[in-house]
Protein backbone atom coordinates (compact mmCIF):
# COMPACT_ATOMS: atom_id res chain seq x y z
CA UNK A 1 -1.75 -18.46 45.42
CA UNK A 2 -0.33 -18.68 42.03
CA UNK A 3 3.10 -15.82 41.46
CA UNK A 4 2.59 -14.88 37.37
CA UNK A 5 5.49 -12.64 36.28
CA UNK A 6 5.54 -10.92 32.78
CA UNK A 7 9.16 -10.01 31.90
CA UNK A 8 8.59 -7.22 28.53
CA UNK A 9 11.20 -5.03 27.83
CA UNK A 10 10.52 -2.29 29.41
CA UNK A 11 9.29 -3.39 33.13
CA UNK A 12 8.24 -6.58 34.89
CA UNK A 13 4.98 -7.39 35.91
CA UNK A 14 3.80 -9.68 38.73
CA UNK A 15 0.17 -10.93 39.46
CA UNK A 16 -1.06 -12.84 42.19
CA UNK A 17 -4.19 -15.09 41.33
CA UNK A 18 -6.04 -16.84 43.87
CA UNK A 19 -7.99 -20.02 43.27
CA UNK A 20 -10.76 -18.90 41.52
CA UNK A 21 -8.97 -17.11 38.79
CA UNK A 22 -9.45 -13.90 40.10
CA UNK A 23 -6.09 -11.13 40.04
CA UNK A 24 -5.59 -10.50 43.78
CA UNK A 25 -2.96 -7.90 44.19
CA UNK A 26 -1.16 -5.90 40.79
CA UNK A 27 3.04 -5.18 41.04
CA UNK A 28 5.83 -3.33 38.74
CA UNK A 29 9.59 -3.17 38.77
CA UNK A 30 12.07 -2.27 36.74
CA UNK A 31 13.64 -5.92 37.05
CA UNK A 32 13.27 -8.78 38.75
CA UNK A 33 15.04 -9.60 41.57
CA UNK A 34 15.61 -12.14 44.39
CA UNK A 35 15.12 -9.03 46.99
CA UNK A 36 11.66 -8.33 45.51
CA UNK A 37 10.67 -11.91 45.16
CA UNK A 38 11.48 -12.17 48.57
CA UNK A 39 9.44 -8.97 49.48
CA UNK A 40 6.20 -10.58 48.10
CA UNK A 41 6.84 -14.58 49.59
CA UNK A 42 6.77 -12.32 52.75
CA UNK A 43 3.54 -11.05 52.51
CA UNK A 44 1.39 -13.59 50.10
CA UNK A 45 1.29 -17.04 50.58
CA UNK A 46 2.52 -18.34 47.06
CA UNK A 47 2.68 -21.84 45.92
CA UNK A 48 3.03 -21.99 42.76
CA UNK A 49 5.03 -19.50 40.25
CA UNK A 50 5.26 -19.01 36.59
CA UNK A 51 8.09 -16.43 34.70
CA UNK A 52 7.57 -15.75 30.99
CA UNK A 53 10.44 -13.68 29.71
CA UNK A 54 11.51 -12.05 26.87
CA UNK A 55 14.76 -10.52 28.10
CA UNK A 56 17.52 -13.11 28.88
CA UNK A 57 16.55 -15.61 31.57
CA UNK A 58 17.41 -14.35 35.50
CA UNK A 59 18.63 -17.43 36.68
CA UNK A 60 19.06 -16.55 40.22
CA UNK A 61 15.60 -15.52 40.13
CA UNK A 62 13.99 -18.95 38.91
CA UNK A 63 15.81 -20.27 41.45
CA UNK A 64 15.36 -18.73 44.68
CA UNK A 65 11.64 -19.52 43.35
CA UNK A 66 12.46 -23.16 43.02
CA UNK A 67 13.53 -23.35 46.51
CA UNK A 68 10.82 -21.97 48.29
CA UNK A 69 7.46 -23.26 46.18
CA UNK A 70 5.89 -25.89 45.10
CA UNK A 71 6.17 -26.07 41.01
CA UNK A 72 8.04 -23.17 39.32
CA UNK A 73 7.48 -23.08 35.56
CA UNK A 74 9.37 -20.97 32.90
CA UNK A 75 7.44 -20.43 29.56
CA UNK A 76 9.15 -22.69 26.95
CA UNK A 77 7.66 -24.42 24.14
CA UNK A 78 8.32 -27.13 26.14
CA UNK A 79 5.89 -26.70 28.45
CA UNK A 80 1.72 -28.05 28.31
CA UNK A 81 -0.91 -25.45 27.12
CA UNK A 82 -4.25 -25.54 26.93
CA UNK A 83 -4.39 -24.29 23.04
CA UNK A 84 -3.28 -25.66 20.03
CA UNK A 85 -1.45 -24.14 17.67
CA UNK A 86 -0.52 -24.21 13.41
CA UNK A 87 2.84 -21.95 13.72
CA UNK A 88 5.13 -23.52 12.18
CA UNK A 89 8.36 -22.22 14.51
CA UNK A 90 7.01 -22.01 18.00
CA UNK A 91 10.69 -22.44 19.43
CA UNK A 92 11.29 -19.03 17.92
CA UNK A 93 7.92 -17.89 19.00
CA UNK A 94 7.54 -15.09 22.01
CA UNK A 95 6.22 -16.04 25.74
CA UNK A 96 4.14 -13.23 25.57
CA UNK A 97 2.57 -13.66 21.72
CA UNK A 98 1.61 -16.77 23.09
CA UNK A 99 0.80 -16.34 26.58
CA UNK A 100 -1.51 -13.33 25.24
CA UNK A 101 -4.25 -16.03 23.62
CA UNK A 102 -4.18 -18.57 26.09
CA UNK A 103 -5.49 -15.49 27.97
CA UNK A 104 -7.86 -14.31 25.38
CA UNK A 105 -9.10 -17.87 25.52
CA UNK A 106 -10.44 -17.45 29.43
CA UNK A 107 -11.86 -14.62 28.59
CA UNK A 108 -13.53 -15.25 25.81
CA UNK A 109 -13.82 -19.12 25.86
CA UNK A 110 -15.50 -20.04 21.92
CA UNK A 111 -14.60 -17.14 20.58
CA UNK A 112 -12.02 -15.84 17.46
CA UNK A 113 -9.76 -13.39 19.06
CA UNK A 114 -7.45 -10.88 17.51
CA UNK A 115 -5.30 -9.41 20.63
CA UNK A 116 -3.13 -6.50 19.95
CA UNK A 117 -0.46 -6.33 22.30
CA UNK A 118 0.88 -2.79 21.31
CA UNK A 119 4.06 -2.60 23.40
CA UNK A 120 7.96 -1.72 22.30
CA UNK A 121 6.77 -3.88 18.88
CA UNK A 122 3.27 -4.21 18.35
CA UNK A 123 2.25 -7.43 17.06
CA UNK A 124 -1.35 -9.50 16.49
CA UNK A 125 -2.56 -13.14 17.11
CA UNK A 126 -5.34 -15.08 16.27
CA UNK A 127 -6.90 -17.32 17.80
CA UNK A 128 -10.19 -19.01 16.69
CA UNK A 129 -13.15 -20.06 18.16
CA UNK A 130 -12.32 -23.81 18.72
CA UNK A 131 -9.40 -23.27 19.97
CA UNK A 132 -6.28 -22.73 17.23
CA UNK A 133 -3.70 -20.97 17.36
CA UNK A 134 -3.20 -18.79 13.75
CA UNK A 135 -0.17 -16.60 14.06
CA UNK A 136 -0.08 -13.05 13.01
CA UNK A 137 1.84 -10.11 12.27
CA UNK A 138 4.53 -8.37 13.90
CA UNK A 139 5.10 -4.36 13.46
CA UNK A 140 7.36 -1.36 14.74
CA UNK A 141 5.85 -0.26 17.79
CA UNK A 142 5.08 2.84 17.90
CA UNK A 143 7.65 5.28 19.53
CA UNK A 144 10.20 2.28 17.68
CA UNK A 145 8.49 4.43 14.76
CA UNK A 146 9.43 7.59 15.72
CA UNK A 147 13.18 7.27 16.18
CA UNK A 148 13.06 5.08 12.71
CA UNK A 149 12.76 8.30 11.24
CA UNK A 150 14.96 10.30 12.98
CA UNK A 151 17.73 7.88 13.37
CA UNK A 152 17.33 6.53 9.58
CA UNK A 153 17.10 9.99 7.86
CA UNK A 154 19.22 13.31 7.34
CA UNK A 155 16.57 15.74 8.75
CA UNK A 156 13.80 14.78 10.60
CA UNK A 157 13.28 15.94 14.32
CA UNK A 158 12.87 12.93 17.02
CA UNK A 159 9.07 13.71 17.69
CA UNK A 160 7.10 12.69 20.68
CA UNK A 161 4.09 10.97 20.17
CA UNK A 162 0.54 13.00 20.61
CA UNK A 163 -2.86 12.35 19.42
CA UNK A 164 -4.15 14.81 17.43
CA UNK A 165 -7.30 15.88 16.23
CA UNK A 166 -6.52 15.63 12.90
CA UNK A 167 -5.18 13.74 10.27
CA UNK A 168 -3.34 16.25 7.54
CA UNK A 169 -0.59 17.35 9.28
CA UNK A 170 0.38 21.31 8.21
CA UNK A 171 4.09 21.29 9.77
CA UNK A 172 6.61 18.50 9.62
CA UNK A 173 5.91 18.27 12.93
CA UNK A 174 2.15 17.43 12.86
CA UNK A 175 3.10 15.53 9.25
CA UNK A 176 5.20 12.89 11.64
CA UNK A 177 2.86 13.36 14.20
CA UNK A 178 -0.12 12.01 12.06
CA UNK A 179 1.95 9.58 9.97
CA UNK A 180 2.60 7.66 12.85
CA UNK A 181 -0.74 7.90 15.11
CA UNK A 182 -3.14 8.30 12.11
CA UNK A 183 -0.99 5.04 10.82
CA UNK A 184 -0.98 2.79 13.54
CA UNK A 185 -4.61 3.05 14.36
CA UNK A 186 -5.26 2.06 9.99
CA UNK A 187 -3.35 -0.86 10.31
CA UNK A 188 -5.78 -2.14 12.99
CA UNK A 189 -8.61 -0.88 11.49
CA UNK A 190 -7.40 -3.49 8.15
CA UNK A 191 -6.17 -6.43 9.85
CA UNK A 192 -9.00 -6.40 11.63
CA UNK A 193 -11.05 -6.36 8.39
CA UNK A 194 -8.54 -8.47 7.16
CA UNK A 195 -9.33 -11.55 9.80
CA UNK A 196 -13.53 -10.87 9.89
CA UNK A 197 -13.57 -11.70 6.24
CA UNK A 198 -11.78 -14.43 6.73
CA UNK A 199 -13.18 -15.96 10.33
CA UNK A 200 -16.67 -14.23 10.76
CA UNK A 201 -17.00 -12.39 13.55
CA UNK A 202 -14.63 -12.04 16.33
CA UNK A 203 -13.26 -10.31 19.38
CA UNK A 204 -10.98 -7.41 19.47
CA UNK A 205 -9.12 -7.30 22.40
CA UNK A 206 -6.04 -4.76 22.54
CA UNK A 207 -3.15 -4.61 25.58
CA UNK A 208 0.39 -3.28 25.95
CA UNK A 209 1.63 -0.21 27.20
CA UNK A 210 0.56 1.55 24.29
CA UNK A 211 -3.04 0.00 23.98
CA UNK A 212 -4.93 3.72 25.85
CA UNK A 213 -4.57 5.11 22.17
CA UNK A 214 -6.24 2.51 20.35
CA UNK A 215 -9.12 2.83 23.61
CA UNK A 216 -9.54 6.34 22.96
CA UNK A 217 -9.76 6.25 19.18
CA UNK A 218 -11.82 3.08 18.33
CA UNK A 219 -14.23 3.47 21.47
CA UNK A 220 -17.10 0.67 22.37
CA UNK A 221 -15.44 -1.07 19.06
CA UNK A 222 -12.29 -2.72 21.27
CA UNK A 223 -11.50 -4.40 24.64
CA UNK A 224 -8.49 -3.25 26.23
CA UNK A 225 -7.17 -5.22 29.20
CA UNK A 226 -3.59 -4.52 30.18
CA UNK A 227 -2.92 -7.79 32.63
CA UNK A 228 -3.57 -9.78 29.25
CA UNK A 229 -0.47 -11.76 29.68
CA UNK A 230 -0.56 -12.59 33.77
CA UNK A 231 -3.91 -13.56 32.52
CA UNK A 232 -2.61 -16.53 30.51
CA UNK A 233 0.12 -17.16 32.24
CA UNK A 234 -2.28 -18.15 35.10
CA UNK A 235 -4.53 -20.70 32.81
CA UNK A 236 -0.82 -22.17 31.59
CA UNK A 237 0.23 -22.48 34.71
CA UNK A 238 -3.12 -24.41 36.12
CA UNK A 239 -3.26 -25.80 33.35
CA UNK A 240 0.12 -27.61 34.21
CA UNK A 241 -1.16 -28.24 37.97
CA UNK A 242 -3.98 -30.26 37.70
């Protein structure tokens, strides 16, 4: 069984995959700790593991896994991946961005896919039908935009995200809410149109903590996959142990 670990900005996700590539168990934890890993290894027969982190690496946790498993990978630019890439600065490419496009090829092989990861930041990443990662864009996430309006101005209040049925704000609060929530929605539509013009018919996958907002606003137009990073990590791990 493979253990895939996605250390994000706000939480850690753990996915256990069988030999068929099926997700058997899923866990969340605020931190990556040896104690939590010990519990997983006690309850499941794990043979291999892969770790992807956007934070500082947890050396103790990695060493713990290395001592107990057949193969343990920490995703980095030096790890072999089952796709090609034309990204000009691979050493600065976030592990989560790399993992989601690999995950996209598992779900939609031989198709062009635009992946939107709506988390702390919103990232757009595109992989062609022939499996070439082209790159994408990085934008502030929804909560980051609300904080920026409050922290970088003298009088604007800190407002929480809320989906409204209108697009015209009639107060400062709703003007901020419609501006940000409708703004990110129009960004997504614009990116999708632009990529479609250049690459033809493409798939659109949304993942990340704020994916539900896009899914509710664009029903039947997108595919929401909350565990896309884990799917990609499992594919990368299998690619390195075959």
